[in-house]
Amino acid sequence: MKRTDRELLLKSLKYFAFTVALMFMAPTVIYQAFKNQTHPWYWPVLIVGILLAISAIIMGFYSLRVLMKSFFGEN
């Protein structure tokens, strides 16, 4: 019977914490961009918010992948 790899489990929990931070940061930045549409920094802030949202999705999948590796191994 295989055991859980604790190092990978802790690594995945760190990635989950980073994912949660991105999940709160991205909508906040996008909201601020839409709130200030007449400001000259509208497009750069909106692009940064969209990139943060995309990175939150990618980090979510990656952290799930690492979590599954820690529970079930490589295969």
PDB file of N, CA and C in Angstrom:
ATOM      1  N   MET A   1       0.836  -1.178   0.000  1.00  0.00           N
ATOM      2  CA  MET A   1       0.000   0.000   0.000  1.00  0.00           C
ATOM      3  C   MET A   1       0.883   1.244   0.000  1.00  0.00           C
ATOM      4  N   LYS A   2       0.562   2.182  -0.882  1.00  0.00           N
ATOM      5  CA  LYS A   2       1.348   3.402  -0.980  1.00  0.00           C
ATOM      6  C   LYS A   2       0.929   4.401   0.084  1.00  0.00           C
ATOM      7  N   ARG A   3       1.877   5.192   0.498  1.00  0.00           N
ATOM      8  CA  ARG A   3       1.631   6.251   1.468  1.00  0.00           C
ATOM      9  C   ARG A   3       1.614   7.599   0.754  1.00  0.00           C
ATOM     10  N   THR A   4       1.040   8.577   1.399  1.00  0.00           N
ATOM     11  CA  THR A   4       0.996   9.923   0.854  1.00  0.00           C
ATOM     12  C   THR A   4       2.379  10.560   0.957  1.00  0.00           C
ATOM     13  N   ASP A   5       2.832  11.163  -0.137  1.00  0.00           N
ATOM     14  CA  ASP A   5       4.106  11.874  -0.148  1.00  0.00           C
ATOM     15  C   ASP A   5       3.884  13.242   0.515  1.00  0.00           C
ATOM     16  N   ARG A   6       4.386  13.394   1.729  1.00  0.00           N
ATOM     17  CA  ARG A   6       4.111  14.599   2.506  1.00  0.00           C
ATOM     18  C   ARG A   6       4.761  15.841   1.908  1.00  0.00           C
ATOM     19  N   GLU A   7       5.926  15.687   1.287  1.00  0.00           N
ATOM     20  CA  GLU A   7       6.585  16.844   0.674  1.00  0.00           C
ATOM     21  C   GLU A   7       5.737  17.397  -0.465  1.00  0.00           C
ATOM     22  N   LEU A   8       5.228  16.506  -1.312  1.00  0.00           N
ATOM     23  CA  LEU A   8       4.375  16.955  -2.403  1.00  0.00           C
ATOM     24  C   LEU A   8       3.052  17.515  -1.883  1.00  0.00           C
ATOM     25  N   LEU A   9       2.545  16.951  -0.800  1.00  0.00           N
ATOM     26  CA  LEU A   9       1.305  17.455  -0.221  1.00  0.00           C
ATOM     27  C   LEU A   9       1.484  18.885   0.269  1.00  0.00           C
ATOM     28  N   LEU A  10       2.574  19.159   0.971  1.00  0.00           N
ATOM     29  CA  LEU A  10       2.834  20.517   1.443  1.00  0.00           C
ATOM     30  C   LEU A  10       3.068  21.477   0.280  1.00  0.00           C
ATOM     31  N   LYS A  11       3.738  20.991  -0.762  1.00  0.00           N
ATOM     32  CA  LYS A  11       3.962  21.799  -1.956  1.00  0.00           C
ATOM     33  C   LYS A  11       2.629  22.153  -2.612  1.00  0.00           C
ATOM     34  N   SER A  12       1.719  21.185  -2.694  1.00  0.00           N
ATOM     35  CA  SER A  12       0.420  21.454  -3.312  1.00  0.00           C
ATOM     36  C   SER A  12      -0.407  22.410  -2.461  1.00  0.00           C
ATOM     37  N   LEU A  13      -0.282  22.329  -1.139  1.00  0.00           N
ATOM     38  CA  LEU A  13      -1.012  23.263  -0.280  1.00  0.00           C
ATOM     39  C   LEU A  13      -0.485  24.687  -0.433  1.00  0.00           C
ATOM     40  N   LYS A  14       0.829  24.828  -0.648  1.00  0.00           N
ATOM     41  CA  LYS A  14       1.379  26.154  -0.915  1.00  0.00           C
ATOM     42  C   LYS A  14       0.843  26.701  -2.233  1.00  0.00           C
ATOM     43  N   TYR A  15       0.763  25.829  -3.246  1.00  0.00           N
ATOM     44  CA  TYR A  15       0.209  26.253  -4.532  1.00  0.00           C
ATOM     45  C   TYR A  15      -1.269  26.634  -4.401  1.00  0.00           C
ATOM     46  N   PHE A  16      -2.018  25.887  -3.571  1.00  0.00           N
ATOM     47  CA  PHE A  16      -3.421  26.226  -3.338  1.00  0.00           C
ATOM     48  C   PHE A  16      -3.544  27.585  -2.662  1.00  0.00           C
ATOM     49  N   ALA A  17      -2.664  27.894  -1.723  1.00  0.00           N
ATOM     50  CA  ALA A  17      -2.709  29.197  -1.059  1.00  0.00           C
ATOM     51  C   ALA A  17      -2.442  30.312  -2.059  1.00  0.00           C
ATOM     52  N   PHE A  18      -1.484  30.095  -2.942  1.00  0.00           N
ATOM     53  CA  PHE A  18      -1.190  31.079  -3.986  1.00  0.00           C
ATOM     54  C   PHE A  18      -2.370  31.210  -4.945  1.00  0.00           C
ATOM     55  N   THR A  19      -3.027  30.097  -5.235  1.00  0.00           N
ATOM     56  CA  THR A  19      -4.197  30.119  -6.108  1.00  0.00           C
ATOM     57  C   THR A  19      -5.331  30.916  -5.485  1.00  0.00           C
ATOM     58  N   VAL A  20      -5.565  30.717  -4.206  1.00  0.00           N
ATOM     59  CA  VAL A  20      -6.635  31.455  -3.518  1.00  0.00           C
ATOM     60  C   VAL A  20      -6.328  32.951  -3.520  1.00  0.00           C
ATOM     61  N   ALA A  21      -5.071  33.314  -3.311  1.00  0.00           N
ATOM     62  CA  ALA A  21      -4.694  34.728  -3.361  1.00  0.00           C
ATOM     63  C   ALA A  21      -4.969  35.307  -4.747  1.00  0.00           C
ATOM     64  N   LEU A  22      -4.621  34.559  -5.787  1.00  0.00           N
ATOM     65  CA  LEU A  22      -4.889  35.023  -7.150  1.00  0.00           C
ATOM     66  C   LEU A  22      -6.384  35.103  -7.437  1.00  0.00           C
ATOM     67  N   MET A  23      -7.157  34.180  -6.866  1.00  0.00           N
ATOM     68  CA  MET A  23      -8.599  34.175  -7.095  1.00  0.00           C
ATOM     69  C   MET A  23      -9.275  35.406  -6.479  1.00  0.00           C
ATOM     70  N   PHE A  24      -8.717  35.963  -5.423  1.00  0.00           N
ATOM     71  CA  PHE A  24      -9.269  37.179  -4.853  1.00  0.00           C
ATOM     72  C   PHE A  24      -8.678  38.427  -5.499  1.00  0.00           C
ATOM     73  N   MET A  25      -7.414  38.350  -5.926  1.00  0.00           N
ATOM     74  CA  MET A  25      -6.750  39.511  -6.482  1.00  0.00           C
ATOM     75  C   MET A  25      -7.241  39.844  -7.896  1.00  0.00           C
ATOM     76  N   ALA A  26      -7.460  38.829  -8.724  1.00  0.00           N
ATOM     77  CA  ALA A  26      -7.840  39.057 -10.115  1.00  0.00           C
ATOM     78  C   ALA A  26      -9.181  39.783 -10.252  1.00  0.00           C
ATOM     79  N   PRO A  27     -10.257  39.356  -9.595  1.00  0.00           N
ATOM     80  CA  PRO A  27     -11.515  40.105  -9.740  1.00  0.00           C
ATOM     81  C   PRO A  27     -11.437  41.521  -9.177  1.00  0.00           C
ATOM     82  N   THR A  28     -10.622  41.713  -8.139  1.00  0.00           N
ATOM     83  CA  THR A  28     -10.461  43.049  -7.575  1.00  0.00           C
ATOM     84  C   THR A  28      -9.806  43.988  -8.581  1.00  0.00           C
ATOM     85  N   VAL A  29      -8.758  43.507  -9.243  1.00  0.00           N
ATOM     86  CA  VAL A  29      -8.067  44.333 -10.229  1.00  0.00           C
ATOM     87  C   VAL A  29      -8.973  44.596 -11.430  1.00  0.00           C
ATOM     88  N   ILE A  30      -9.712  43.597 -11.874  1.00  0.00           N
ATOM     89  CA  ILE A  30     -10.628  43.792 -13.004  1.00  0.00           C
ATOM     90  C   ILE A  30     -11.731  44.774 -12.628  1.00  0.00           C
ATOM     91  N   TYR A  31     -12.248  44.678 -11.413  1.00  0.00           N
ATOM     92  CA  TYR A  31     -13.279  45.605 -10.959  1.00  0.00           C
ATOM     93  C   TYR A  31     -12.749  47.040 -10.929  1.00  0.00           C
ATOM     94  N   GLN A  32     -11.532  47.208 -10.444  1.00  0.00           N
ATOM     95  CA  GLN A  32     -10.943  48.543 -10.404  1.00  0.00           C
ATOM     96  C   GLN A  32     -10.739  49.102 -11.806  1.00  0.00           C
ATOM     97  N   ALA A  33     -10.389  48.246 -12.748  1.00  0.00           N
ATOM     98  CA  ALA A  33     -10.216  48.709 -14.127  1.00  0.00           C
ATOM     99  C   ALA A  33     -11.548  49.178 -14.698  1.00  0.00           C
ATOM    100  N   PHE A  34     -12.617  48.413 -14.492  1.00  0.00           N
ATOM    101  CA  PHE A  34     -13.918  48.804 -15.029  1.00  0.00           C
ATOM    102  C   PHE A  34     -14.499  50.018 -14.305  1.00  0.00           C
ATOM    103  N   LYS A  35     -14.104  50.219 -13.078  1.00  0.00           N
ATOM    104  CA  LYS A  35     -14.581  51.376 -12.335  1.00  0.00           C
ATOM    105  C   LYS A  35     -13.958  52.671 -12.855  1.00  0.00           C
ATOM    106  N   ASN A  36     -12.769  52.592 -13.419  1.00  0.00           N
ATOM    107  CA  ASN A  36     -12.039  53.773 -13.900  1.00  0.00           C
ATOM    108  C   ASN A  36     -11.815  53.691 -15.406  1.00  0.00           C
ATOM    109  N   GLN A  37     -12.876  53.588 -16.175  1.00  0.00           N
ATOM    110  CA  GLN A  37     -12.739  53.405 -17.622  1.00  0.00           C
ATOM    111  C   GLN A  37     -12.212  54.646 -18.335  1.00  0.00           C
ATOM    112  N   THR A  38     -12.347  55.813 -17.759  1.00  0.00           N
ATOM    113  CA  THR A  38     -11.865  57.023 -18.421  1.00  0.00           C
ATOM    114  C   THR A  38     -10.403  57.323 -18.099  1.00  0.00           C
ATOM    115  N   HIS A  39      -9.823  56.585 -17.188  1.00  0.00           N
ATOM    116  CA  HIS A  39      -8.429  56.799 -16.786  1.00  0.00           C
ATOM    117  C   HIS A  39      -7.495  56.276 -17.870  1.00  0.00           C
ATOM    118  N   PRO A  40      -6.343  56.914 -18.088  1.00  0.00           N
ATOM    119  CA  PRO A  40      -5.416  56.426 -19.128  1.00  0.00           C
ATOM    120  C   PRO A  40      -4.822  55.044 -18.839  1.00  0.00           C
ATOM    121  N   TRP A  41      -4.835  54.602 -17.591  1.00  0.00           N
ATOM    122  CA  TRP A  41      -4.290  53.297 -17.241  1.00  0.00           C
ATOM    123  C   TRP A  41      -5.338  52.189 -17.293  1.00  0.00           C
ATOM    124  N   TYR A  42      -6.483  52.457 -17.917  1.00  0.00           N
ATOM    125  CA  TYR A  42      -7.577  51.479 -17.962  1.00  0.00           C
ATOM    126  C   TYR A  42      -7.133  50.176 -18.625  1.00  0.00           C
ATOM    127  N   TRP A  43      -6.593  50.269 -19.829  1.00  0.00           N
ATOM    128  CA  TRP A  43      -6.221  49.046 -20.561  1.00  0.00           C
ATOM    129  C   TRP A  43      -5.095  48.265 -19.892  1.00  0.00           C
ATOM    130  N   PRO A  44      -4.012  48.908 -19.444  1.00  0.00           N
ATOM    131  CA  PRO A  44      -2.975  48.109 -18.767  1.00  0.00           C
ATOM    132  C   PRO A  44      -3.475  47.404 -17.500  1.00  0.00           C
ATOM    133  N   VAL A  45      -4.325  48.087 -16.718  1.00  0.00           N
ATOM    134  CA  VAL A  45      -4.841  47.471 -15.495  1.00  0.00           C
ATOM    135  C   VAL A  45      -5.784  46.323 -15.843  1.00  0.00           C
ATOM    136  N   LEU A  46      -6.614  46.495 -16.867  1.00  0.00           N
ATOM    137  CA  LEU A  46      -7.513  45.428 -17.291  1.00  0.00           C
ATOM    138  C   LEU A  46      -6.737  44.213 -17.794  1.00  0.00           C
ATOM    139  N   ILE A  47      -5.682  44.451 -18.550  1.00  0.00           N
ATOM    140  CA  ILE A  47      -4.859  43.342 -19.056  1.00  0.00           C
ATOM    141  C   ILE A  47      -4.187  42.602 -17.899  1.00  0.00           C
ATOM    142  N   VAL A  48      -3.693  43.340 -16.912  1.00  0.00           N
ATOM    143  CA  VAL A  48      -3.075  42.705 -15.741  1.00  0.00           C
ATOM    144  C   VAL A  48      -4.110  41.871 -14.990  1.00  0.00           C
ATOM    145  N   GLY A  49      -5.318  42.384 -14.846  1.00  0.00           N
ATOM    146  CA  GLY A  49      -6.375  41.633 -14.169  1.00  0.00           C
ATOM    147  C   GLY A  49      -6.745  40.360 -14.902  1.00  0.00           C
ATOM    148  N   ILE A  50      -6.818  40.441 -16.226  1.00  0.00           N
ATOM    149  CA  ILE A  50      -7.134  39.244 -17.017  1.00  0.00           C
ATOM    150  C   ILE A  50      -6.002  38.229 -16.924  1.00  0.00           C
ATOM    151  N   LEU A  51      -4.765  38.698 -16.950  1.00  0.00           N
ATOM    152  CA  LEU A  51      -3.631  37.777 -16.799  1.00  0.00           C
ATOM    153  C   LEU A  51      -3.621  37.121 -15.419  1.00  0.00           C
ATOM    154  N   LEU A  52      -3.989  37.871 -14.400  1.00  0.00           N
ATOM    155  CA  LEU A  52      -4.083  37.289 -13.059  1.00  0.00           C
ATOM    156  C   LEU A  52      -5.179  36.224 -13.000  1.00  0.00           C
ATOM    157  N   ALA A  53      -6.306  36.476 -13.669  1.00  0.00           N
ATOM    158  CA  ALA A  53      -7.398  35.497 -13.676  1.00  0.00           C
ATOM    159  C   ALA A  53      -6.976  34.223 -14.410  1.00  0.00           C
ATOM    160  N   ILE A  54      -6.301  34.385 -15.526  1.00  0.00           N
ATOM    161  CA  ILE A  54      -5.828  33.207 -16.275  1.00  0.00           C
ATOM    162  C   ILE A  54      -4.800  32.434 -15.449  1.00  0.00           C
ATOM    163  N   SER A  55      -3.910  33.158 -14.777  1.00  0.00           N
ATOM    164  CA  SER A  55      -2.911  32.464 -13.960  1.00  0.00           C
ATOM    165  C   SER A  55      -3.548  31.775 -12.759  1.00  0.00           C
ATOM    166  N   ALA A  56      -4.646  32.311 -12.229  1.00  0.00           N
ATOM    167  CA  ALA A  56      -5.351  31.642 -11.133  1.00  0.00           C
ATOM    168  C   ALA A  56      -5.932  30.312 -11.601  1.00  0.00           C
ATOM    169  N   ILE A  57      -6.481  30.285 -12.804  1.00  0.00           N
ATOM    170  CA  ILE A  57      -7.037  29.045 -13.348  1.00  0.00           C
ATOM    171  C   ILE A  57      -5.927  28.026 -13.579  1.00  0.00           C
ATOM    172  N   ILE A  58      -4.831  28.474 -14.162  1.00  0.00           N
ATOM    173  CA  ILE A  58      -3.713  27.563 -14.439  1.00  0.00           C
ATOM    174  C   ILE A  58      -3.117  27.029 -13.135  1.00  0.00           C
ATOM    175  N   MET A  59      -2.926  27.913 -12.144  1.00  0.00           N
ATOM    176  CA  MET A  59      -2.374  27.468 -10.863  1.00  0.00           C
ATOM    177  C   MET A  59      -3.330  26.517 -10.149  1.00  0.00           C
ATOM    178  N   GLY A  60      -4.628  26.700 -10.324  1.00  0.00           N
ATOM    179  CA  GLY A  60      -5.595  25.780  -9.727  1.00  0.00           C
ATOM    180  C   GLY A  60      -5.449  24.381 -10.276  1.00  0.00           C
ATOM    181  N   PHE A  61      -5.346  24.274 -11.594  1.00  0.00           N
ATOM    182  CA  PHE A  61      -5.167  22.956 -12.197  1.00  0.00           C
ATOM    183  C   PHE A  61      -3.819  22.345 -11.818  1.00  0.00           C
ATOM    184  N   TYR A  62      -2.774  23.181 -11.781  1.00  0.00           N
ATOM    185  CA  TYR A  62      -1.460  22.663 -11.441  1.00  0.00           C
ATOM    186  C   TYR A  62      -1.414  22.173  -9.991  1.00  0.00           C
ATOM    187  N   SER A  63      -2.030  22.924  -9.088  1.00  0.00           N
ATOM    188  CA  SER A  63      -2.018  22.497  -7.692  1.00  0.00           C
ATOM    189  C   SER A  63      -2.838  21.226  -7.491  1.00  0.00           C
ATOM    190  N   LEU A  64      -3.926  21.068  -8.237  1.00  0.00           N
ATOM    191  CA  LEU A  64      -4.675  19.806  -8.183  1.00  0.00           C
ATOM    192  C   LEU A  64      -3.833  18.643  -8.705  1.00  0.00           C
ATOM    193  N   ARG A  65      -3.083  18.901  -9.753  1.00  0.00           N
ATOM    194  CA  ARG A  65      -2.221  17.852 -10.319  1.00  0.00           C
ATOM    195  C   ARG A  65      -1.161  17.411  -9.312  1.00  0.00           C
ATOM    196  N   VAL A  66      -0.545  18.367  -8.631  1.00  0.00           N
ATOM    197  CA  VAL A  66       0.474  18.033  -7.632  1.00  0.00           C
ATOM    198  C   VAL A  66      -0.169  17.309  -6.454  1.00  0.00           C
ATOM    199  N   LEU A  67      -1.370  17.713  -6.063  1.00  0.00           N
ATOM    200  CA  LEU A  67      -2.081  17.047  -4.978  1.00  0.00           C
ATOM    201  C   LEU A  67      -2.390  15.600  -5.335  1.00  0.00           C
ATOM    202  N   MET A  68      -2.827  15.347  -6.554  1.00  0.00           N
ATOM    203  CA  MET A  68      -3.112  13.975  -6.985  1.00  0.00           C
ATOM    204  C   MET A  68      -1.842  13.140  -7.038  1.00  0.00           C
ATOM    205  N   LYS A  69      -0.727  13.759  -7.441  1.00  0.00           N
ATOM    206  CA  LYS A  69       0.548  13.034  -7.430  1.00  0.00           C
ATOM    207  C   LYS A  69       0.950  12.657  -6.012  1.00  0.00           C
ATOM    208  N   SER A  70       0.673  13.540  -5.062  1.00  0.00           N
ATOM    209  CA  SER A  70       1.065  13.231  -3.686  1.00  0.00           C
ATOM    210  C   SER A  70       0.217  12.097  -3.114  1.00  0.00           C
ATOM    211  N   PHE A  71      -1.043  11.995  -3.510  1.00  0.00           N
ATOM    212  CA  PHE A  71      -1.911  10.920  -3.009  1.00  0.00           C
ATOM    213  C   PHE A  71      -1.692   9.604  -3.722  1.00  0.00           C
ATOM    214  N   PHE A  72      -1.618   9.639  -5.053  1.00  0.00           N
ATOM    215  CA  PHE A  72      -1.627   8.408  -5.837  1.00  0.00           C
ATOM    216  C   PHE A  72      -0.307   8.056  -6.516  1.00  0.00           C
ATOM    217  N   GLY A  73       0.688   8.906  -6.432  1.00  0.00           N
ATOM    218  CA  GLY A  73       1.964   8.620  -7.074  1.00  0.00           C
ATOM    219  C   GLY A  73       1.972   9.104  -8.506  1.00  0.00           C
ATOM    220  N   GLU A  74       2.998   8.700  -9.243  1.00  0.00           N
ATOM    221  CA  GLU A  74       3.174   9.183 -10.619  1.00  0.00           C
ATOM    222  C   GLU A  74       2.152   8.631 -11.582  1.00  0.00           C
ATOM    223  N   ASN A  75       1.760   7.386 -11.428  1.00  0.00           N
ATOM    224  CA  ASN A  75       0.858   6.779 -12.420  1.00  0.00           C
ATOM    225  C   ASN A  75      -0.530   7.092 -12.084  1.00  0.00           C
TER     226      ASN A  75
END
